[in-house]
Structure formats: structure tokens, C-alpha cells
Amino acid sequence: MKTANITLATLLALGLGIAGTPANAAGCLSGAAAGAVAGHMAGHHAVLGAVGGCIAGHEIAKHQKKMQQQQAQQQTI
């Protein structure tokens, strides 16, 4: 079961990496590190935690960038 989870996580990560769009890893590294630690503590699922953390970290960074752009736009008006 553990090997199947690692294989699935690896294939998912490779699939996301080969999407054809330029890589924008904002938030991914810190999210992956936090997710790996959390996944390891939750039952030795560090790889799955890292993948999930990377996705979550990227989404959070994207949201923060959008909020900063909106604030900058409101200040110029």
C-alpha cells in the first residue's frame, strides 16, 4: 500500500510538471516542506503531504498576490 501511494504521488507530481505551462512555484517550496512534515507526523505520508502542501502553498501565494494587486489598484484611484 505504501509503495502504491508513493507511486501515485510521483505520477501526480510528474503529471502536474508536464502540463505544458511555465513553472510558477510561488509558495510551493514552503508549502511542500510544511506538508511533508505534517504528512510524516500523520503516519509516514511525507510525499503525499508534500504534494498537497505544494498545491495549497501555491494557491495561497496566488490569492495573496491577487489581494496585493487589488490594494495597489485601489490606492492609485
N, C-alpha and C. Protein backbone atom coordinates (compact mmCIF):
# COMPACT_ATOMS: atom_id res chain seq x y z
N MET A 1 0.82 -1.19 0.00
CA MET A 1 0.00 0.00 0.00
C MET A 1 0.87 1.26 0.00
N LYS A 2 1.94 1.23 0.81
CA LYS A 2 2.82 2.39 0.89
C LYS A 2 3.48 2.66 -0.46
N THR A 3 3.92 1.60 -1.13
CA THR A 3 4.55 1.76 -2.44
C THR A 3 3.55 2.31 -3.46
N ALA A 4 2.32 1.87 -3.37
CA ALA A 4 1.29 2.36 -4.29
C ALA A 4 1.04 3.85 -4.07
N ASN A 5 1.02 4.30 -2.82
CA ASN A 5 0.82 5.72 -2.53
C ASN A 5 1.98 6.56 -3.04
N ILE A 6 3.19 6.08 -2.86
CA ILE A 6 4.36 6.82 -3.33
C ILE A 6 4.35 6.88 -4.86
N THR A 7 4.01 5.78 -5.49
CA THR A 7 3.94 5.76 -6.95
C THR A 7 2.88 6.72 -7.45
N LEU A 8 1.72 6.72 -6.82
CA LEU A 8 0.64 7.62 -7.21
C LEU A 8 1.06 9.08 -7.04
N ALA A 9 1.69 9.40 -5.92
CA ALA A 9 2.13 10.77 -5.67
C ALA A 9 3.19 11.20 -6.69
N THR A 10 4.09 10.30 -7.02
CA THR A 10 5.13 10.61 -8.00
C THR A 10 4.52 10.85 -9.38
N LEU A 11 3.60 10.01 -9.78
CA LEU A 11 2.95 10.19 -11.08
C LEU A 11 2.14 11.48 -11.12
N LEU A 12 1.48 11.80 -10.01
CA LEU A 12 0.72 13.04 -9.94
C LEU A 12 1.64 14.24 -10.06
N ALA A 13 2.75 14.21 -9.33
CA ALA A 13 3.71 15.32 -9.40
C ALA A 13 4.30 15.47 -10.79
N LEU A 14 4.62 14.36 -11.44
CA LEU A 14 5.14 14.42 -12.80
C LEU A 14 4.08 14.93 -13.76
N GLY A 15 2.86 14.50 -13.58
CA GLY A 15 1.77 14.96 -14.44
C GLY A 15 1.55 16.45 -14.32
N LEU A 16 1.64 16.97 -13.11
CA LEU A 16 1.49 18.40 -12.92
C LEU A 16 2.67 19.16 -13.51
N GLY A 17 3.84 18.56 -13.49
CA GLY A 17 5.02 19.21 -14.02
C GLY A 17 5.08 19.24 -15.53
N ILE A 18 4.38 18.33 -16.18
CA ILE A 18 4.42 18.23 -17.64
C ILE A 18 3.18 18.88 -18.26
N ALA A 19 2.53 19.75 -17.54
CA ALA A 19 1.29 20.35 -18.01
C ALA A 19 1.51 21.25 -19.23
N GLY A 20 2.74 21.70 -19.49
CA GLY A 20 2.99 22.49 -20.67
C GLY A 20 3.03 23.98 -20.42
N THR A 21 2.75 24.40 -19.21
CA THR A 21 2.80 25.81 -18.89
C THR A 21 4.10 26.10 -18.14
N PRO A 22 4.55 27.34 -18.21
CA PRO A 22 5.78 27.67 -17.47
C PRO A 22 5.58 27.49 -15.97
N ALA A 23 6.62 27.05 -15.30
CA ALA A 23 6.52 26.80 -13.86
C ALA A 23 6.51 28.11 -13.09
N ASN A 24 5.56 28.24 -12.18
CA ASN A 24 5.48 29.38 -11.27
C ASN A 24 5.33 28.78 -9.89
N ALA A 25 6.43 28.63 -9.20
CA ALA A 25 6.45 27.87 -7.95
C ALA A 25 6.29 28.75 -6.72
N ALA A 26 5.63 29.87 -6.84
CA ALA A 26 5.45 30.75 -5.69
C ALA A 26 4.67 30.02 -4.60
N GLY A 27 5.27 29.89 -3.44
CA GLY A 27 4.61 29.25 -2.31
C GLY A 27 4.73 27.75 -2.28
N CYS A 28 5.20 27.16 -3.35
CA CYS A 28 5.24 25.70 -3.44
C CYS A 28 6.29 25.11 -2.51
N LEU A 29 7.46 25.71 -2.46
CA LEU A 29 8.54 25.14 -1.65
C LEU A 29 8.21 25.15 -0.17
N SER A 30 7.74 26.27 0.32
CA SER A 30 7.40 26.34 1.75
C SER A 30 6.20 25.47 2.07
N GLY A 31 5.22 25.42 1.19
CA GLY A 31 4.05 24.56 1.40
C GLY A 31 4.43 23.10 1.37
N ALA A 32 5.33 22.73 0.47
CA ALA A 32 5.77 21.34 0.38
C ALA A 32 6.53 20.92 1.63
N ALA A 33 7.36 21.81 2.15
CA ALA A 33 8.10 21.49 3.37
C ALA A 33 7.15 21.28 4.55
N ALA A 34 6.21 22.19 4.70
CA ALA A 34 5.25 22.06 5.80
C ALA A 34 4.37 20.83 5.62
N GLY A 35 3.94 20.57 4.39
CA GLY A 35 3.12 19.40 4.11
C GLY A 35 3.86 18.10 4.35
N ALA A 36 5.15 18.07 4.02
CA ALA A 36 5.94 16.86 4.23
C ALA A 36 6.08 16.56 5.71
N VAL A 37 6.30 17.58 6.51
CA VAL A 37 6.41 17.37 7.96
C VAL A 37 5.07 16.91 8.51
N ALA A 38 4.00 17.56 8.11
CA ALA A 38 2.68 17.17 8.60
C ALA A 38 2.32 15.76 8.15
N GLY A 39 2.62 15.44 6.91
CA GLY A 39 2.33 14.10 6.41
C GLY A 39 3.14 13.03 7.12
N HIS A 40 4.38 13.34 7.42
CA HIS A 40 5.22 12.37 8.15
C HIS A 40 4.67 12.13 9.55
N MET A 41 4.25 13.18 10.21
CA MET A 41 3.71 13.05 11.56
C MET A 41 2.36 12.35 11.56
N ALA A 42 1.65 12.42 10.46
CA ALA A 42 0.32 11.82 10.38
C ALA A 42 0.36 10.37 9.91
N GLY A 43 1.50 9.75 9.92
CA GLY A 43 1.54 8.34 9.55
C GLY A 43 2.46 8.03 8.39
N HIS A 44 3.57 8.70 8.30
CA HIS A 44 4.59 8.42 7.28
C HIS A 44 4.06 8.61 5.86
N HIS A 45 3.36 9.71 5.65
CA HIS A 45 2.86 10.06 4.32
C HIS A 45 3.49 11.37 3.87
N ALA A 46 4.80 11.46 3.98
CA ALA A 46 5.51 12.70 3.69
C ALA A 46 5.38 13.12 2.23
N VAL A 47 5.42 12.17 1.32
CA VAL A 47 5.34 12.51 -0.10
C VAL A 47 3.97 13.08 -0.44
N LEU A 48 2.93 12.43 0.05
CA LEU A 48 1.59 12.94 -0.21
C LEU A 48 1.39 14.30 0.45
N GLY A 49 1.93 14.47 1.65
CA GLY A 49 1.85 15.76 2.33
C GLY A 49 2.58 16.84 1.56
N ALA A 50 3.73 16.50 0.99
CA ALA A 50 4.50 17.48 0.22
C ALA A 50 3.75 17.90 -1.03
N VAL A 51 3.14 16.96 -1.70
CA VAL A 51 2.37 17.29 -2.91
C VAL A 51 1.19 18.19 -2.55
N GLY A 52 0.45 17.80 -1.53
CA GLY A 52 -0.69 18.61 -1.09
C GLY A 52 -0.25 19.98 -0.59
N GLY A 53 0.84 20.02 0.15
CA GLY A 53 1.35 21.30 0.66
C GLY A 53 1.80 22.21 -0.45
N CYS A 54 2.40 21.65 -1.46
CA CYS A 54 2.83 22.45 -2.61
C CYS A 54 1.63 23.08 -3.31
N ILE A 55 0.61 22.29 -3.51
CA ILE A 55 -0.61 22.80 -4.17
C ILE A 55 -1.26 23.89 -3.32
N ALA A 56 -1.39 23.62 -2.02
CA ALA A 56 -2.01 24.59 -1.12
C ALA A 56 -1.15 25.87 -1.03
N GLY A 57 0.15 25.72 -0.90
CA GLY A 57 1.03 26.88 -0.82
C GLY A 57 0.97 27.74 -2.06
N HIS A 58 0.88 27.10 -3.21
CA HIS A 58 0.79 27.85 -4.47
C HIS A 58 -0.52 28.63 -4.53
N GLU A 59 -1.61 27.99 -4.14
CA GLU A 59 -2.92 28.66 -4.16
C GLU A 59 -2.94 29.84 -3.19
N ILE A 60 -2.35 29.68 -2.02
CA ILE A 60 -2.30 30.77 -1.04
C ILE A 60 -1.47 31.93 -1.59
N ALA A 61 -0.33 31.64 -2.21
CA ALA A 61 0.51 32.68 -2.79
C ALA A 61 -0.23 33.42 -3.91
N LYS A 62 -0.98 32.67 -4.71
CA LYS A 62 -1.76 33.27 -5.79
C LYS A 62 -2.82 34.22 -5.24
N HIS A 63 -3.49 33.79 -4.16
CA HIS A 63 -4.52 34.61 -3.53
C HIS A 63 -3.91 35.89 -2.94
N GLN A 64 -2.76 35.76 -2.28
CA GLN A 64 -2.10 36.92 -1.70
C GLN A 64 -1.66 37.91 -2.77
N LYS A 65 -1.15 37.41 -3.88
CA LYS A 65 -0.74 38.29 -4.97
C LYS A 65 -1.93 39.05 -5.54
N LYS A 66 -3.05 38.36 -5.68
CA LYS A 66 -4.27 38.99 -6.20
C LYS A 66 -4.75 40.09 -5.25
N MET A 67 -4.71 39.82 -3.94
CA MET A 67 -5.13 40.81 -2.96
C MET A 67 -4.20 42.03 -2.98
N GLN A 68 -2.90 41.81 -3.14
CA GLN A 68 -1.95 42.92 -3.21
C GLN A 68 -2.19 43.78 -4.45
N GLN A 69 -2.52 43.13 -5.56
CA GLN A 69 -2.80 43.87 -6.79
C GLN A 69 -4.06 44.71 -6.64
N GLN A 70 -5.08 44.16 -5.97
CA GLN A 70 -6.31 44.91 -5.75
C GLN A 70 -6.07 46.10 -4.84
N GLN A 71 -5.27 45.93 -3.79
CA GLN A 71 -4.96 47.04 -2.89
C GLN A 71 -4.16 48.12 -3.60
N ALA A 72 -3.22 47.73 -4.42
CA ALA A 72 -2.42 48.70 -5.17
C ALA A 72 -3.31 49.47 -6.15
N GLN A 73 -4.25 48.77 -6.75
CA GLN A 73 -5.15 49.42 -7.71
C GLN A 73 -6.06 50.40 -6.99
N GLN A 74 -6.53 50.07 -5.79
CA GLN A 74 -7.40 50.97 -5.04
C GLN A 74 -6.64 52.20 -4.56
N GLN A 75 -5.37 52.06 -4.27
CA GLN A 75 -4.58 53.19 -3.80
C GLN A 75 -4.27 54.19 -4.92
N THR A 76 -4.25 53.73 -6.15
CA THR A 76 -3.94 54.62 -7.27
C THR A 76 -5.18 55.38 -7.75
N ILE A 77 -6.33 54.98 -7.30
CA ILE A 77 -7.58 55.64 -7.75
C ILE A 77 -7.83 56.90 -6.96
